[in-house]
Amino acid sequence: MLFGFEQDKEIIPQVYNFLDKQELIMTFLIQYNSCVEDEMKIPLIYGKNAKNIQDAFKNFIEDISNVNFGKIKIVFKCHLSKTRKGLIFKTKKLENYNLKQILKNYTYGLCFNAQKLFNDYVYDKISKQNPNKTVNQKDDLIIVDKKYAILTLCKKINKHNLEIENEIHRSLTLIRENNFSKFYIVCPRNENFTRFIEIKHFLYDLNKTMLKLVPYKISNQLIRRNKCQ
């Protein structure tokens, strides 16, 4: 399950296929920005009038370089074979960006594993929401202060037919092994999944642990709370 674009083609996972074009572009850029270095980030403003995900990169490249895009591609091709690191253009506006790599991504395409992209986004957001806590990540499991955990699942959830039996079983095993007081399974929010669902379990030794399925909004807003958002 990939999320991104190739030359003149978008690759959209099913979990996001209900989004309109603008929401889709922002959903990709927000997650992309959460998992790349600062020099590779694309400000969200460049996605607002974009026709597709790739076009947001083009808008950014044209604006920051102050060069016609046709000329940018010519210069890029001339520099691509050089091994020296650094930017193609040497203005102050560019000094904080790796435009060469951004151009390369735009030209040849950029795809992520959708599950990993979502997981890294959630980890980044949880870490920022809990600056005074220890947040650890192990694959798709995020643990906060060894007290509660978040299992990320990039899957479209239908509240009337959850189909997450395997994830619930795994969660219960993790709760038993680690004595978590709270456990969240988080999935991207969609039009049919807007409220958390408390999962009832009847194993005596686990009944004190809260287990919830949570719709996770993909947003660049940061709200610091001591719970999963």
Protein backbone atom coordinates (compact mmCIF):
# COMPACT_ATOMS: atom_id res chain seq x y z
CA MET A 1 0.00 0.00 0.00
CA LEU A 2 1.82 3.08 -1.30
CA PHE A 3 1.07 6.79 -1.03
CA GLY A 4 2.66 9.35 -3.34
CA PHE A 5 3.20 10.04 -7.00
CA GLU A 6 5.12 9.00 -10.07
CA GLN A 7 5.46 11.01 -13.27
CA ASP A 8 1.94 12.29 -14.02
CA LYS A 9 0.36 9.63 -11.80
CA GLU A 10 -0.85 9.68 -8.20
CA ILE A 11 -0.80 6.55 -6.03
CA ILE A 12 -3.53 6.76 -3.39
CA PRO A 13 -4.23 4.07 -0.76
CA GLN A 14 -7.84 3.09 -0.22
CA VAL A 15 -7.91 4.60 3.25
CA TYR A 16 -7.73 8.09 1.68
CA ASN A 17 -9.79 7.62 -1.47
CA PHE A 18 -12.82 9.39 0.04
CA LEU A 19 -10.95 12.71 0.32
CA ASP A 20 -11.44 15.52 -2.16
CA LYS A 21 -8.37 16.69 -4.06
CA GLN A 22 -7.45 19.51 -1.69
CA GLU A 23 -7.78 17.33 1.41
CA LEU A 24 -5.77 14.59 -0.26
CA ILE A 25 -2.87 16.92 -1.09
CA MET A 26 -2.80 18.28 2.47
CA THR A 27 -3.03 14.78 3.96
CA PHE A 28 0.07 13.77 2.02
CA LEU A 29 2.07 16.95 2.70
CA ILE A 30 1.36 16.95 6.45
CA GLN A 31 2.54 13.36 6.81
CA TYR A 32 5.47 13.90 4.43
CA ASN A 33 6.66 16.92 6.43
CA SER A 34 6.51 14.95 9.67
CA CYS A 35 8.99 12.32 8.48
CA VAL A 36 11.60 14.31 6.51
CA GLU A 37 14.38 16.66 7.55
CA ASP A 38 13.64 20.39 7.71
CA GLU A 39 15.58 20.99 4.50
CA MET A 40 13.10 18.75 2.63
CA LYS A 41 9.81 20.07 4.02
CA ILE A 42 7.23 21.63 1.69
CA PRO A 43 5.25 24.48 3.34
CA LEU A 44 1.55 23.65 3.22
CA ILE A 45 0.67 26.89 1.47
CA TYR A 46 2.05 25.40 -1.76
CA GLY A 47 -0.60 22.69 -1.69
CA LYS A 48 -3.55 25.07 -1.42
CA ASN A 49 -3.84 25.82 -5.14
CA ALA A 50 -2.14 22.68 -6.40
CA LYS A 51 -3.87 20.42 -8.92
CA ASN A 52 -2.31 17.30 -7.43
CA ILE A 53 0.42 16.22 -4.98
CA GLN A 54 3.23 16.62 -7.50
CA ASP A 55 2.02 20.11 -8.40
CA ALA A 56 2.55 21.24 -4.78
CA PHE A 57 6.25 20.42 -5.15
CA LYS A 58 6.36 22.33 -8.44
CA ASN A 59 4.72 25.39 -6.86
CA PHE A 60 7.30 25.38 -4.08
CA ILE A 61 10.28 24.94 -6.43
CA GLU A 62 9.17 27.75 -8.75
CA ASP A 63 8.51 30.19 -5.93
CA ILE A 64 11.61 29.60 -3.85
CA SER A 65 14.01 29.61 -6.81
CA ASN A 66 12.47 32.59 -8.62
CA VAL A 67 13.22 30.77 -11.88
CA ASN A 68 10.88 29.61 -14.61
CA PHE A 69 10.24 25.91 -14.17
CA GLY A 70 11.47 25.04 -17.66
CA LYS A 71 14.82 26.62 -16.83
CA ILE A 72 14.89 24.88 -13.45
CA LYS A 73 14.68 21.48 -15.13
CA ILE A 74 17.49 22.34 -17.53
CA VAL A 75 19.78 23.44 -14.69
CA PHE A 76 18.80 20.39 -12.67
CA LYS A 77 19.78 18.00 -15.46
CA CYS A 78 23.16 19.70 -15.77
CA HIS A 79 23.88 19.27 -12.06
CA LEU A 80 22.38 15.84 -11.48
CA SER A 81 25.56 13.94 -12.27
CA LYS A 82 27.71 15.98 -9.89
CA THR A 83 28.54 14.40 -6.55
CA ARG A 84 29.04 17.64 -4.66
CA LYS A 85 26.36 18.14 -2.02
CA GLY A 86 24.48 21.39 -1.82
CA LEU A 87 21.90 23.48 -3.59
CA ILE A 88 21.68 24.37 -7.24
CA PHE A 89 20.72 27.96 -6.54
CA LYS A 90 22.69 30.04 -4.06
CA THR A 91 20.34 32.72 -2.78
CA LYS A 92 19.61 33.37 0.89
CA LYS A 93 16.07 32.20 0.33
CA LEU A 94 17.36 28.77 -0.63
CA GLU A 95 20.02 28.22 1.98
CA ASN A 96 17.76 26.21 4.28
CA TYR A 97 16.50 23.82 1.60
CA ASN A 98 17.96 20.90 -0.30
CA LEU A 99 16.43 21.96 -3.59
CA LYS A 100 18.46 19.46 -5.56
CA GLN A 101 16.87 16.52 -3.76
CA ILE A 102 13.41 18.11 -3.85
CA LEU A 103 13.79 18.54 -7.61
CA LYS A 104 14.89 14.94 -7.94
CA ASN A 105 11.85 13.75 -5.98
CA TYR A 106 9.55 15.90 -8.10
CA THR A 107 11.03 14.69 -11.37
CA TYR A 108 11.24 10.96 -10.68
CA GLY A 109 8.40 10.52 -8.20
CA LEU A 110 8.03 10.05 -4.48
CA CYS A 111 6.19 7.15 -2.82
CA PHE A 112 5.94 6.03 0.79
CA ASN A 113 4.64 2.94 2.49
CA ALA A 114 1.32 4.35 3.71
CA GLN A 115 1.44 2.46 7.02
CA LYS A 116 4.95 3.67 7.85
CA LEU A 117 4.12 7.22 6.78
CA PHE A 118 1.06 7.28 9.05
CA ASN A 119 3.01 5.69 11.91
CA ASP A 120 5.82 8.25 11.68
CA TYR A 121 3.28 11.06 11.56
CA VAL A 122 1.53 9.81 14.71
CA TYR A 123 4.87 9.34 16.49
CA ASP A 124 5.98 12.86 15.56
CA LYS A 125 2.72 14.36 16.80
CA ILE A 126 2.59 12.35 20.03
CA SER A 127 6.21 13.33 20.77
CA LYS A 128 5.44 17.02 20.31
CA GLN A 129 2.28 16.78 22.39
CA ASN A 130 4.21 15.18 25.25
CA PRO A 131 7.54 17.08 25.42
CA ASN A 132 8.17 16.09 29.03
CA LYS A 133 7.49 12.40 28.55
CA THR A 134 9.55 9.56 27.14
CA VAL A 135 8.07 8.49 23.82
CA ASN A 136 9.48 5.36 22.16
CA GLN A 137 8.66 3.88 18.79
CA LYS A 138 9.00 0.26 17.78
CA ASP A 139 7.61 -0.44 14.32
CA ASP A 140 3.88 0.43 14.52
CA LEU A 141 3.79 0.62 18.33
CA ILE A 142 4.34 3.89 20.22
CA ILE A 143 4.86 3.78 23.97
CA VAL A 144 4.60 6.79 26.30
CA ASP A 145 6.43 6.64 29.64
CA LYS A 146 5.96 2.86 29.60
CA LYS A 147 2.43 3.52 30.86
CA TYR A 148 0.26 3.64 27.78
CA ALA A 149 0.62 2.66 24.15
CA ILE A 150 -0.62 3.56 20.69
CA LEU A 151 -0.87 1.00 17.92
CA THR A 152 -1.10 2.67 14.50
CA LEU A 153 -3.20 1.12 11.77
CA CYS A 154 -3.47 2.78 8.37
CA LYS A 155 -6.79 1.24 7.45
CA LYS A 156 -10.20 2.60 6.50
CA ILE A 157 -12.51 1.84 9.41
CA ASN A 158 -16.22 1.24 9.12
CA LYS A 159 -17.79 1.58 12.55
CA HIS A 160 -20.49 -0.91 11.57
CA ASN A 161 -17.98 -3.56 10.52
CA LEU A 162 -14.62 -3.02 12.21
CA GLU A 163 -12.70 -6.06 10.94
CA ILE A 164 -9.82 -5.53 13.38
CA GLU A 165 -9.91 -8.82 15.28
CA ASN A 166 -6.17 -9.43 14.76
CA GLU A 167 -5.28 -5.96 16.05
CA ILE A 168 -7.49 -6.39 19.13
CA HIS A 169 -5.93 -9.76 19.91
CA ARG A 170 -2.45 -8.28 19.53
CA SER A 171 -3.39 -5.31 21.74
CA LEU A 172 -4.61 -7.58 24.52
CA THR A 173 -1.39 -9.55 24.36
CA LEU A 174 0.68 -6.35 24.58
CA ILE A 175 -1.42 -5.10 27.50
CA ARG A 176 -0.90 -8.35 29.38
CA GLU A 177 2.85 -8.41 28.73
CA ASN A 178 3.49 -4.74 29.56
CA ASN A 179 0.77 -3.85 32.06
CA PHE A 180 -0.32 -0.75 30.13
CA SER A 181 -3.00 1.35 31.85
CA LYS A 182 -4.31 2.69 28.52
CA PHE A 183 -4.10 1.36 24.99
CA TYR A 184 -5.19 3.04 21.77
CA ILE A 185 -5.52 1.66 18.27
CA VAL A 186 -5.44 4.71 16.01
CA CYS A 187 -6.58 4.85 12.38
CA PRO A 188 -7.04 7.75 9.96
CA ARG A 189 -10.36 9.49 10.48
CA ASN A 190 -12.93 9.16 7.73
CA GLU A 191 -16.54 10.16 7.10
CA ASN A 192 -17.80 6.94 8.70
CA PHE A 193 -15.39 6.96 11.65
CA THR A 194 -15.39 10.23 13.58
CA ARG A 195 -15.70 9.13 17.22
CA PHE A 196 -13.66 6.79 19.34
CA ILE A 197 -14.98 3.32 20.00
CA GLU A 198 -14.36 1.75 23.38
CA ILE A 199 -13.50 -1.91 23.00
CA LYS A 200 -14.92 -4.12 25.72
CA HIS A 201 -12.79 -7.02 26.82
CA PHE A 202 -13.66 -9.59 29.42
CA LEU A 203 -10.35 -11.02 30.53
CA TYR A 204 -10.36 -10.44 34.27
CA ASP A 205 -6.76 -9.32 34.63
CA LEU A 206 -7.10 -6.77 31.81
CA ASN A 207 -10.41 -5.15 32.72
CA LYS A 208 -8.67 -2.21 34.39
CA THR A 209 -7.02 -1.23 31.11
CA MET A 210 -8.89 1.13 28.80
CA LEU A 211 -8.80 -0.03 25.18
CA LYS A 212 -10.06 2.36 22.50
CA LEU A 213 -10.18 2.54 18.72
CA VAL A 214 -9.49 6.18 17.86
CA PRO A 215 -10.10 8.17 14.65
CA TYR A 216 -6.90 10.15 14.18
CA LYS A 217 -7.15 13.46 12.38
CA ILE A 218 -4.26 14.28 10.07
CA SER A 219 -3.60 17.92 10.78
CA ASN A 220 -0.69 20.28 11.30
CA GLN A 221 -2.34 21.67 14.44
CA LEU A 222 -0.67 20.75 17.69
CA ILE A 223 -2.70 20.41 20.88
CA ARG A 224 -0.79 19.34 23.96
CA ARG A 225 -2.84 16.97 26.03
CA ASN A 226 -2.01 14.03 28.19
CA LYS A 227 -3.98 11.64 26.03
CA CYS A 228 -4.03 10.31 22.51
CA GLN A 229 -5.51 12.79 19.98
